[in-house]
C-alpha atoms as a PDB file:
ATOM      1  CA  MET A   1      38.277  48.103 164.768  1.00  0.00           C
ATOM      2  CA  THR A   2      36.956  49.887 167.876  1.00  0.00           C
ATOM      3  CA  ASP A   3      34.041  48.263 169.662  1.00  0.00           C
ATOM      4  CA  ASP A   4      30.816  50.262 169.609  1.00  0.00           C
ATOM      5  CA  LEU A   5      29.842  50.166 173.289  1.00  0.00           C
ATOM      6  CA  ASN A   6      26.929  52.121 174.707  1.00  0.00           C
ATOM      7  CA  VAL A   7      24.860  51.991 177.876  1.00  0.00           C
ATOM      8  CA  ARG A   8      21.308  53.330 178.200  1.00  0.00           C
ATOM      9  CA  ARG A   9      18.593  53.551 180.825  1.00  0.00           C
ATOM     10  CA  ILE A  10      15.828  50.966 180.513  1.00  0.00           C
ATOM     11  CA  GLY A  11      12.473  50.095 182.082  1.00  0.00           C
ATOM     12  CA  PRO A  12      10.195  47.059 182.314  1.00  0.00           C
ATOM     13  CA  GLU A  13       9.932  46.792 178.528  1.00  0.00           C
ATOM     14  CA  SER A  14      13.474  45.315 178.578  1.00  0.00           C
ATOM     15  CA  ALA A  15      12.717  42.629 181.188  1.00  0.00           C
ATOM     16  CA  ALA A  16      13.121  39.693 178.805  1.00  0.00           C
ATOM     17  CA  THR A  17      16.529  40.892 177.606  1.00  0.00           C
ATOM     18  CA  VAL A  18      17.763  41.544 181.152  1.00  0.00           C
ATOM     19  CA  LEU A  19      16.542  38.128 182.314  1.00  0.00           C
ATOM     20  CA  GLU A  20      18.468  36.423 179.522  1.00  0.00           C
ATOM     21  CA  ILE A  21      21.676  38.225 180.519  1.00  0.00           C
ATOM     22  CA  VAL A  22      21.145  37.501 184.229  1.00  0.00           C
ATOM     23  CA  ARG A  23      20.563  33.798 183.647  1.00  0.00           C
ATOM     24  CA  GLU A  24      23.636  33.433 181.440  1.00  0.00           C
ATOM     25  CA  ALA A  25      25.934  35.531 183.644  1.00  0.00           C
ATOM     26  CA  PHE A  26      24.915  34.024 186.980  1.00  0.00           C
ATOM     27  CA  GLY A  27      24.504  30.525 185.573  1.00  0.00           C
ATOM     28  CA  SER A  28      28.145  30.490 184.472  1.00  0.00           C
ATOM     29  CA  ARG A  29      29.364  31.033 188.041  1.00  0.00           C
ATOM     30  CA  PRO A  30      30.315  28.162 190.372  1.00  0.00           C
ATOM     31  CA  PRO A  31      27.345  26.500 192.129  1.00  0.00           C
ATOM     32  CA  LEU A  32      26.465  28.069 195.476  1.00  0.00           C
ATOM     33  CA  ASP A  33      24.607  26.809 198.536  1.00  0.00           C
ATOM     34  CA  PRO A  34      22.098  28.364 198.851  1.00  0.00           C
ATOM     35  CA  PRO A  35      21.852  29.091 195.105  1.00  0.00           C
ATOM     36  CA  ALA A  36      22.154  32.675 193.893  1.00  0.00           C
ATOM     37  CA  ASP A  37      18.879  34.581 194.291  1.00  0.00           C
ATOM     38  CA  ALA A  38      19.326  35.883 190.747  1.00  0.00           C
ATOM     39  CA  LEU A  39      18.652  32.412 189.342  1.00  0.00           C
ATOM     40  CA  THR A  40      15.106  32.480 190.741  1.00  0.00           C
ATOM     41  CA  GLU A  41      14.169  35.619 188.769  1.00  0.00           C
ATOM     42  CA  THR A  42      11.407  35.509 186.182  1.00  0.00           C
ATOM     43  CA  GLU A  43      10.517  37.949 183.458  1.00  0.00           C
ATOM     44  CA  ALA A  44       7.693  39.238 185.658  1.00  0.00           C
ATOM     45  CA  SER A  45       9.938  39.751 188.706  1.00  0.00           C
ATOM     46  CA  ILE A  46      12.581  41.531 186.604  1.00  0.00           C
ATOM     47  CA  ALA A  47       9.868  43.747 185.084  1.00  0.00           C
ATOM     48  CA  THR A  48       8.674  44.678 188.577  1.00  0.00           C
ATOM     49  CA  ARG A  49      12.207  45.617 189.681  1.00  0.00           C
ATOM     50  CA  LEU A  50      12.741  47.688 186.534  1.00  0.00           C
ATOM     51  CA  ALA A  51       9.412  49.446 187.014  1.00  0.00           C
ATOM     52  CA  LEU A  52      10.435  50.490 190.527  1.00  0.00           C
ATOM     53  CA  GLY A  53      13.966  51.746 189.923  1.00  0.00           C
ATOM     54  CA  GLY A  54      14.888  51.256 186.310  1.00  0.00           C
ATOM     55  CA  GLY A  55      18.055  49.680 185.053  1.00  0.00           C
ATOM     56  CA  LEU A  56      20.905  49.866 182.571  1.00  0.00           C
ATOM     57  CA  LEU A  57      21.527  47.838 179.436  1.00  0.00           C
ATOM     58  CA  ALA A  58      24.919  47.681 177.708  1.00  0.00           C
ATOM     59  CA  ARG A  59      25.147  46.939 173.996  1.00  0.00           C
ATOM     60  CA  LEU A  60      28.336  46.023 172.183  1.00  0.00           C
ATOM     61  CA  ASP A  61      28.186  46.439 168.410  1.00  0.00           C
ATOM     62  CA  GLY A  62      24.419  46.572 168.774  1.00  0.00           C
ATOM     63  CA  GLU A  63      24.060  43.354 170.777  1.00  0.00           C
ATOM     64  CA  PRO A  64      22.934  43.308 174.452  1.00  0.00           C
ATOM     65  CA  VAL A  65      25.861  42.072 176.552  1.00  0.00           C
ATOM     66  CA  GLY A  66      25.423  43.446 180.078  1.00  0.00           C
ATOM     67  CA  ALA A  67      22.779  44.745 182.450  1.00  0.00           C
ATOM     68  CA  LEU A  68      22.004  45.793 185.983  1.00  0.00           C
ATOM     69  CA  ILE A  69      18.998  46.901 188.004  1.00  0.00           C
ATOM     70  CA  LEU A  70      19.039  50.138 190.021  1.00  0.00           C
ATOM     71  CA  ASP A  71      17.515  49.884 193.487  1.00  0.00           C
ATOM     72  CA  ALA A  72      17.398  53.087 195.561  1.00  0.00           C
ATOM     73  CA  VAL A  73      17.392  52.342 199.295  1.00  0.00           C
ATOM     74  CA  GLY A  74      17.900  55.161 201.788  1.00  0.00           C
ATOM     75  CA  ASP A  75      20.973  57.178 200.873  1.00  0.00           C
ATOM     76  CA  ALA A  76      22.318  54.612 198.395  1.00  0.00           C
ATOM     77  CA  VAL A  77      21.634  53.013 195.058  1.00  0.00           C
ATOM     78  CA  TYR A  78      22.184  49.259 195.027  1.00  0.00           C
ATOM     79  CA  LEU A  79      23.408  47.636 191.818  1.00  0.00           C
ATOM     80  CA  ARG A  80      21.315  44.471 191.577  1.00  0.00           C
ATOM     81  CA  ARG A  81      21.606  41.574 189.127  1.00  0.00           C
ATOM     82  CA  PHE A  82      24.831  42.962 187.681  1.00  0.00           C
ATOM     83  CA  GLY A  83      25.799  40.691 184.819  1.00  0.00           C
ATOM     84  CA  VAL A  84      28.021  40.674 181.722  1.00  0.00           C
ATOM     85  CA  LEU A  85      27.915  37.891 179.146  1.00  0.00           C
ATOM     86  CA  ALA A  86      31.052  35.754 179.153  1.00  0.00           C
ATOM     87  CA  ALA A  87      31.839  36.519 175.507  1.00  0.00           C
ATOM     88  CA  ALA A  88      31.927  40.272 176.247  1.00  0.00           C
ATOM     89  CA  ARG A  89      34.087  40.243 179.361  1.00  0.00           C
ATOM     90  CA  GLY A  90      37.354  42.137 179.214  1.00  0.00           C
ATOM     91  CA  ARG A  91      35.969  44.651 176.697  1.00  0.00           C
ATOM     92  CA  GLY A  92      35.061  47.497 179.040  1.00  0.00           C
ATOM     93  CA  VAL A  93      31.413  46.558 179.549  1.00  0.00           C
ATOM     94  CA  ALA A  94      31.544  46.285 183.346  1.00  0.00           C
ATOM     95  CA  GLY A  95      33.334  49.622 183.709  1.00  0.00           C
ATOM     96  CA  ALA A  96      30.854  51.328 181.408  1.00  0.00           C
ATOM     97  CA  LEU A  97      27.935  49.966 183.443  1.00  0.00           C
ATOM     98  CA  ILE A  98      29.464  51.193 186.700  1.00  0.00           C
ATOM     99  CA  GLN A  99      30.179  54.636 185.214  1.00  0.00           C
ATOM    100  CA  ALA A 100      26.617  54.895 183.925  1.00  0.00           C
ATOM    101  CA  ALA A 101      25.274  53.787 187.310  1.00  0.00           C
ATOM    102  CA  SER A 102      27.287  56.555 188.998  1.00  0.00           C
ATOM    103  CA  GLU A 103      25.730  59.098 186.648  1.00  0.00           C
ATOM    104  CA  ALA A 104      22.238  57.674 187.223  1.00  0.00           C
ATOM    105  CA  ALA A 105      22.696  57.839 190.999  1.00  0.00           C
ATOM    106  CA  VAL A 106      23.247  61.605 191.173  1.00  0.00           C
ATOM    107  CA  GLY A 107      21.455  62.814 194.295  1.00  0.00           C
ATOM    108  CA  LYS A 108      22.471  59.738 196.283  1.00  0.00           C
ATOM    109  CA  PRO A 109      25.917  59.710 197.910  1.00  0.00           C
ATOM    110  CA  TRP A 110      26.640  55.982 197.666  1.00  0.00           C
ATOM    111  CA  LEU A 111      26.647  53.021 195.315  1.00  0.00           C
ATOM    112  CA  ARG A 112      26.289  49.652 197.054  1.00  0.00           C
ATOM    113  CA  VAL A 113      26.626  46.046 195.909  1.00  0.00           C
ATOM    114  CA  VAL A 114      26.093  42.695 197.597  1.00  0.00           C
ATOM    115  CA  ALA A 115      28.417  39.804 196.674  1.00  0.00           C
ATOM    116  CA  ARG A 116      28.804  36.228 197.871  1.00  0.00           C
ATOM    117  CA  GLU A 117      31.761  35.461 200.130  1.00  0.00           C
ATOM    118  CA  GLU A 118      32.241  32.095 198.353  1.00  0.00           C
ATOM    119  CA  LEU A 119      33.205  34.038 195.230  1.00  0.00           C
ATOM    120  CA  PRO A 120      36.420  35.882 196.194  1.00  0.00           C
ATOM    121  CA  ALA A 121      37.096  36.803 192.569  1.00  0.00           C
ATOM    122  CA  THR A 122      33.785  38.677 192.465  1.00  0.00           C
ATOM    123  CA  VAL A 123      34.578  40.501 195.722  1.00  0.00           C
ATOM    124  CA  ALA A 124      38.011  41.376 194.294  1.00  0.00           C
ATOM    125  CA  PHE A 125      36.344  42.667 191.103  1.00  0.00           C
ATOM    126  CA  TRP A 126      34.376  45.216 193.120  1.00  0.00           C
ATOM    127  CA  THR A 127      37.355  46.086 195.317  1.00  0.00           C
ATOM    128  CA  ARG A 128      39.483  46.898 192.253  1.00  0.00           C
ATOM    129  CA  ARG A 129      36.785  49.341 191.207  1.00  0.00           C
ATOM    130  CA  GLY A 130      36.977  51.278 194.459  1.00  0.00           C
ATOM    131  CA  PHE A 131      34.276  49.514 196.473  1.00  0.00           C
ATOM    132  CA  VAL A 132      35.042  48.906 200.152  1.00  0.00           C
ATOM    133  CA  GLN A 133      33.545  46.203 202.335  1.00  0.00           C
ATOM    134  CA  THR A 134      31.230  47.662 204.975  1.00  0.00           C
ATOM    135  CA  ASP A 135      29.284  44.608 206.148  1.00  0.00           C
ATOM    136  CA  ARG A 136      29.473  40.810 206.119  1.00  0.00           C
ATOM    137  CA  ARG A 137      26.518  38.629 206.970  1.00  0.00           C
ATOM    138  CA  SER A 138      27.414  35.152 205.810  1.00  0.00           C
ATOM    139  CA  PRO A 139      27.190  34.300 202.977  1.00  0.00           C
ATOM    140  CA  TYR A 140      26.794  37.921 201.848  1.00  0.00           C
ATOM    141  CA  VAL A 141      29.376  40.699 201.648  1.00  0.00           C
ATOM    142  CA  GLU A 142      28.223  44.302 201.205  1.00  0.00           C
ATOM    143  CA  LEU A 143      30.522  46.847 199.562  1.00  0.00           C
ATOM    144  CA  VAL A 144      30.150  50.587 199.014  1.00  0.00           C
ATOM    145  CA  ARG A 145      31.639  53.303 196.826  1.00  0.00           C
ATOM    146  CA  PRO A 146      30.865  57.027 196.847  1.00  0.00           C
ATOM    147  CA  VAL A 147      29.033  58.501 193.884  1.00  0.00           C
ATOM    148  CA  PRO A 148      31.197  61.066 192.039  1.00  0.00           C
ATOM    149  CA  SER A 149      30.579  64.772 192.475  1.00  0.00           C
ATOM    150  CA  PHE A 150      30.371  66.960 189.362  1.00  0.00           C
ATOM    151  CA  TYR A 151      31.231  70.660 189.125  1.00  0.00           C
ATOM    152  CA  GLU A 152      30.897  73.000 186.163  1.00  0.00           C
ATOM    153  CA  VAL A 153      33.806  75.441 186.157  1.00  0.00           C
ATOM    154  CA  ALA A 154      33.826  78.504 183.895  1.00  0.00           C
ATOM    155  CA  THR A 155      37.100  80.344 184.611  1.00  0.00           C
ATOM    156  CA  PRO A 156      40.653  79.757 185.888  1.00  0.00           C
ATOM    157  CA  GLU A 157      39.694  81.543 189.106  1.00  0.00           C
ATOM    158  CA  ASP A 158      36.783  79.154 189.607  1.00  0.00           C
ATOM    159  CA  MET A 159      39.078  76.174 188.979  1.00  0.00           C
ATOM    160  CA  ARG A 160      41.558  77.401 191.592  1.00  0.00           C
ATOM    161  CA  ALA A 161      38.718  78.044 194.032  1.00  0.00           C
ATOM    162  CA  LEU A 162      37.465  74.482 193.558  1.00  0.00           C
ATOM    163  CA  GLY A 163      40.971  73.135 194.168  1.00  0.00           C
ATOM    164  CA  ALA A 164      41.235  75.214 197.353  1.00  0.00           C
ATOM    165  CA  ARG A 165      37.901  73.798 198.601  1.00  0.00           C
ATOM    166  CA  VAL A 166      39.018  70.242 197.900  1.00  0.00           C
ATOM    167  CA  ALA A 167      42.261  70.923 199.798  1.00  0.00           C
ATOM    168  CA  THR A 168      40.309  71.471 203.020  1.00  0.00           C
ATOM    169  CA  SER A 169      39.399  67.756 203.038  1.00  0.00           C
ATOM    170  CA  LEU A 170      42.956  66.510 202.444  1.00  0.00           C
ATOM    171  CA  ARG A 171      45.457  65.251 204.979  1.00  0.00           C
ATOM    172  CA  PRO A 172      48.996  63.803 204.916  1.00  0.00           C
ATOM    173  CA  GLY A 173      49.149  60.586 202.914  1.00  0.00           C
ATOM    174  CA  ASP A 174      46.361  61.475 200.497  1.00  0.00           C
ATOM    175  CA  LEU A 175      46.800  60.751 196.793  1.00  0.00           C
ATOM    176  CA  VAL A 176      45.118  62.813 194.076  1.00  0.00           C
ATOM    177  CA  VAL A 177      45.135  61.422 190.520  1.00  0.00           C
ATOM    178  CA  LEU A 178      44.356  64.083 187.902  1.00  0.00           C
ATOM    179  CA  THR A 179      43.179  63.239 184.403  1.00  0.00           C
ATOM    180  CA  GLY A 180      42.349  65.569 181.519  1.00  0.00           C
ATOM    181  CA  ASP A 181      43.422  66.508 178.021  1.00  0.00           C
ATOM    182  CA  LEU A 182      46.177  69.025 177.339  1.00  0.00           C
ATOM    183  CA  GLY A 183      44.918  72.422 178.439  1.00  0.00           C
ATOM    184  CA  ALA A 184      42.067  71.011 180.504  1.00  0.00           C
ATOM    185  CA  GLY A 185      43.142  72.816 183.671  1.00  0.00           C
ATOM    186  CA  LYS A 186      44.988  70.175 185.704  1.00  0.00           C
ATOM    187  CA  THR A 187      47.791  72.489 186.819  1.00  0.00           C
ATOM    188  CA  THR A 188      45.291  75.269 187.514  1.00  0.00           C
ATOM    189  CA  PHE A 189      43.371  72.915 189.798  1.00  0.00           C
ATOM    190  CA  THR A 190      46.642  71.953 191.516  1.00  0.00           C
ATOM    191  CA  GLN A 191      47.409  75.632 192.086  1.00  0.00           C
ATOM    192  CA  GLY A 192      44.136  75.799 194.000  1.00  0.00           C
ATOM    193  CA  LEU A 193      45.173  72.793 196.073  1.00  0.00           C
ATOM    194  CA  GLY A 194      48.407  74.613 196.870  1.00  0.00           C
ATOM    195  CA  LEU A 195      46.491  77.703 197.960  1.00  0.00           C
ATOM    196  CA  GLY A 196      44.257  75.628 200.187  1.00  0.00           C
ATOM    197  CA  LEU A 197      47.208  73.800 201.726  1.00  0.00           C
ATOM    198  CA  GLY A 198      49.141  77.045 202.208  1.00  0.00           C
ATOM    199  CA  VAL A 199      52.246  75.877 200.382  1.00  0.00           C
ATOM    200  CA  ALA A 200      55.189  78.111 199.621  1.00  0.00           C
ATOM    201  CA  GLY A 201      56.127  79.181 196.107  1.00  0.00           C
ATOM    202  CA  ALA A 202      54.270  79.159 192.831  1.00  0.00           C
ATOM    203  CA  VAL A 203      52.757  75.865 191.715  1.00  0.00           C
ATOM    204  CA  THR A 204      53.672  75.357 188.056  1.00  0.00           C
ATOM    205  CA  SER A 205      53.642  72.366 185.743  1.00  0.00           C
ATOM    206  CA  PRO A 206      56.477  69.953 186.649  1.00  0.00           C
ATOM    207  CA  THR A 207      56.593  68.594 183.076  1.00  0.00           C
ATOM    208  CA  PHE A 208      60.342  68.904 182.600  1.00  0.00           C
ATOM    209  CA  VAL A 209      61.402  68.013 186.157  1.00  0.00           C
ATOM    210  CA  ILE A 210      58.702  65.295 186.580  1.00  0.00           C
ATOM    211  CA  ALA A 211      58.113  66.165 190.261  1.00  0.00           C
ATOM    212  CA  ARG A 212      58.185  69.260 192.460  1.00  0.00           C
ATOM    213  CA  GLU A 213      57.849  69.507 196.234  1.00  0.00           C
ATOM    214  CA  HIS A 214      56.163  72.499 197.897  1.00  0.00           C
ATOM    215  CA  ARG A 215      56.397  72.975 201.652  1.00  0.00           C
ATOM    216  CA  SER A 216      53.510  74.432 203.632  1.00  0.00           C
ATOM    217  CA  ASP A 217      53.935  77.867 205.217  1.00  0.00           C
ATOM    218  CA  ARG A 218      51.518  76.984 207.998  1.00  0.00           C
ATOM    219  CA  GLY A 219      52.713  73.607 209.219  1.00  0.00           C
ATOM    220  CA  GLY A 220      50.492  71.516 206.995  1.00  0.00           C
ATOM    221  CA  PRO A 221      51.489  68.685 204.671  1.00  0.00           C
ATOM    222  CA  GLU A 222      53.826  69.198 201.737  1.00  0.00           C
ATOM    223  CA  LEU A 223      52.383  69.163 198.250  1.00  0.00           C
ATOM    224  CA  VAL A 224      54.228  66.755 195.942  1.00  0.00           C
ATOM    225  CA  HIS A 225      53.268  67.590 192.354  1.00  0.00           C
ATOM    226  CA  VAL A 226      54.088  64.938 189.731  1.00  0.00           C
ATOM    227  CA  ASP A 227      53.624  65.070 185.962  1.00  0.00           C
ATOM    228  CA  ALA A 228      53.480  61.516 184.578  1.00  0.00           C
ATOM    229  CA  TYR A 229      52.951  62.576 180.953  1.00  0.00           C
ATOM    230  CA  ARG A 230      56.457  61.604 179.833  1.00  0.00           C
ATOM    231  CA  LEU A 231      56.741  58.492 181.990  1.00  0.00           C
ATOM    232  CA  GLY A 232      56.780  55.196 180.134  1.00  0.00           C
ATOM    233  CA  GLY A 233      54.820  53.254 182.744  1.00  0.00           C
ATOM    234  CA  ALA A 234      54.267  52.487 186.413  1.00  0.00           C
ATOM    235  CA  ALA A 235      57.844  51.233 186.775  1.00  0.00           C
ATOM    236  CA  GLU A 236      59.227  54.674 185.922  1.00  0.00           C
ATOM    237  CA  LEU A 237      56.838  56.228 188.443  1.00  0.00           C
ATOM    238  CA  ASP A 238      58.209  53.813 191.049  1.00  0.00           C
ATOM    239  CA  ASP A 239      61.722  54.985 190.173  1.00  0.00           C
ATOM    240  CA  LEU A 240      60.823  58.450 191.483  1.00  0.00           C
ATOM    241  CA  ASP A 241      60.799  56.890 194.982  1.00  0.00           C
ATOM    242  CA  LEU A 242      57.661  58.784 195.948  1.00  0.00           C
ATOM    243  CA  ASP A 243      56.845  56.324 198.713  1.00  0.00           C
ATOM    244  CA  THR A 244      59.451  58.031 200.918  1.00  0.00           C
ATOM    245  CA  SER A 245      57.218  61.116 201.093  1.00  0.00           C
ATOM    246  CA  LEU A 246      53.720  59.723 200.547  1.00  0.00           C
ATOM    247  CA  ALA A 247      52.892  59.310 204.219  1.00  0.00           C
ATOM    248  CA  ASP A 248      53.762  62.934 205.054  1.00  0.00           C
ATOM    249  CA  ALA A 249      52.552  64.756 201.938  1.00  0.00           C
ATOM    250  CA  VAL A 250      49.578  65.289 199.688  1.00  0.00           C
ATOM    251  CA  THR A 251      50.681  63.792 196.370  1.00  0.00           C
ATOM    252  CA  VAL A 252      49.115  64.990 193.112  1.00  0.00           C
ATOM    253  CA  VAL A 253      49.852  63.035 189.928  1.00  0.00           C
ATOM    254  CA  GLU A 254      48.825  64.631 186.644  1.00  0.00           C
ATOM    255  CA  TRP A 255      48.270  62.126 183.811  1.00  0.00           C
ATOM    256  CA  GLY A 256      48.298  59.515 186.563  1.00  0.00           C
ATOM    257  CA  GLU A 257      45.318  57.350 185.625  1.00  0.00           C
ATOM    258  CA  GLY A 258      46.514  53.808 184.937  1.00  0.00           C
ATOM    259  CA  LEU A 259      49.914  54.541 186.536  1.00  0.00           C
ATOM    260  CA  ALA A 260      49.495  55.906 190.059  1.00  0.00           C
ATOM    261  CA  GLU A 261      46.714  53.764 191.518  1.00  0.00           C
ATOM    262  CA  ASP A 262      49.124  51.429 193.328  1.00  0.00           C
ATOM    263  CA  LEU A 263      50.816  54.268 195.206  1.00  0.00           C
ATOM    264  CA  ALA A 264      48.084  54.136 197.875  1.00  0.00           C
ATOM    265  CA  ASP A 265      45.044  52.057 198.767  1.00  0.00           C
ATOM    266  CA  SER A 266      42.826  55.153 198.505  1.00  0.00           C
ATOM    267  CA  ARG A 267      42.748  58.117 196.154  1.00  0.00           C
ATOM    268  CA  LEU A 268      40.809  61.078 194.881  1.00  0.00           C
ATOM    269  CA  GLN A 269      40.344  60.489 191.165  1.00  0.00           C
ATOM    270  CA  ILE A 270      39.648  63.755 189.373  1.00  0.00           C
ATOM    271  CA  ARG A 271      38.758  64.058 185.692  1.00  0.00           C
ATOM    272  CA  ILE A 272      38.577  67.439 183.962  1.00  0.00           C
ATOM    273  CA  THR A 273      36.923  67.699 180.562  1.00  0.00           C
ATOM    274  CA  ARG A 274      36.088  70.581 178.261  1.00  0.00           C
ATOM    275  CA  MET A 275      32.353  71.043 177.815  1.00  0.00           C
ATOM    276  CA  THR A 276      33.065  72.882 174.536  1.00  0.00           C
ATOM    277  CA  SER A 277      36.111  73.159 172.314  1.00  0.00           C
ATOM    278  CA  GLY A 278      38.448  75.795 173.707  1.00  0.00           C
ATOM    279  CA  ALA A 279      41.767  77.511 173.292  1.00  0.00           C
ATOM    280  CA  ASP A 280      45.083  75.776 173.872  1.00  0.00           C
ATOM    281  CA  GLY A 281      46.902  76.212 177.131  1.00  0.00           C
ATOM    282  CA  ASP A 282      46.543  74.759 180.601  1.00  0.00           C
ATOM    283  CA  ASP A 283      44.039  77.274 181.962  1.00  0.00           C
ATOM    284  CA  PRO A 284      40.306  77.111 181.391  1.00  0.00           C
ATOM    285  CA  GLY A 285      39.054  79.820 179.065  1.00  0.00           C
ATOM    286  CA  GLY A 286      38.616  83.214 180.582  1.00  0.00           C
ATOM    287  CA  ASP A 287      34.863  83.353 179.967  1.00  0.00           C
ATOM    288  CA  ASP A 288      31.825  81.125 180.209  1.00  0.00           C
ATOM    289  CA  HIS A 289      32.174  79.938 176.597  1.00  0.00           C
ATOM    290  CA  ASP A 290      34.784  77.338 177.501  1.00  0.00           C
ATOM    291  CA  PRO A 291      33.605  75.755 180.757  1.00  0.00           C
ATOM    292  CA  ARG A 292      35.047  72.568 182.224  1.00  0.00           C
ATOM    293  CA  LEU A 293      33.286  69.689 183.907  1.00  0.00           C
ATOM    294  CA  VAL A 294      35.192  68.403 186.928  1.00  0.00           C
ATOM    295  CA  GLU A 295      34.360  64.923 188.197  1.00  0.00           C
ATOM    296  CA  ILE A 296      35.643  64.024 191.672  1.00  0.00           C
ATOM    297  CA  LEU A 297      35.492  60.383 192.742  1.00  0.00           C
ATOM    298  CA  LYS A 298      36.590  59.217 196.193  1.00  0.00           C
ATOM    299  CA  LEU A 299      37.998  55.695 196.090  1.00  0.00           C
ATOM    300  CA  GLY A 300      39.223  53.347 198.812  1.00  0.00           C
ATOM    301  CA  PRO A 301      38.862  52.917 202.573  1.00  0.00           C
ATOM    302  CA  ARG A 302      40.108  56.451 203.349  1.00  0.00           C
ATOM    303  CA  TRP A 303      36.931  57.842 201.788  1.00  0.00           C
ATOM    304  CA  ALA A 304      34.465  55.012 202.461  1.00  0.00           C
ATOM    305  CA  THR A 305      32.569  56.860 205.183  1.00  0.00           C
ATOM    306  CA  THR A 306      33.190  60.522 204.310  1.00  0.00           C
END
């Protein structure tokens, strides 16, 4: 049976529930000196924080299992008092909270978190989710991740134009991981990347050859275009020996989520979704009745300050 997981925005009316989650989540961690600030929270202090910036509450099968407080400071939104109940860990709650926080932070370019250096597993948790350390003031470690950008795309021409714009920010060694259903427009987006990079030859789906290489006509990086749809796992991706060209090329992996992340320590993660049901085929519909939503997330140290 599939878990019913949902995350919603909350205010001070949920202070008691958030406090309960914070106390359980932070209380289960190893003792710290000085103790975690979260353990000094009261219902009144949580209510004040929620009144100022709001928060997020995750429910699993109707039960509250995770929460965080949103704290806008300058050009960033800090994720405060991030906690997931022990019984709900490993069931997608943390990822859902982070995704919802990214959506709530639209208008701010950065998400930030503060972790304790005595808890390396916690620091590693944030690092695995694309956060990069930007400051360390013992015993605190600050990490940052860009907020995704969202684009509504109505036509194949618009999708190619978006790909061409993204290409202007790419350089040799960059990895682009493309995700989207069949017909979402992944290859169309890659064609735009090819246009922006000035590569030779038509960019088509590499489904049956797994990978194609396109050289630039103007001295720029090659475009290596990989289709991971038929690959059985990360090991088969490794067998393609892509690391021999990664440093000199822009590598695009369609269907790469969950497979290609270890190819580089940074990546552009791009998700394309239909905003309405549309026709089959790899191009977006030819009119504004089948638009796509393109989410672009910059992950890793390559993108930490750009």
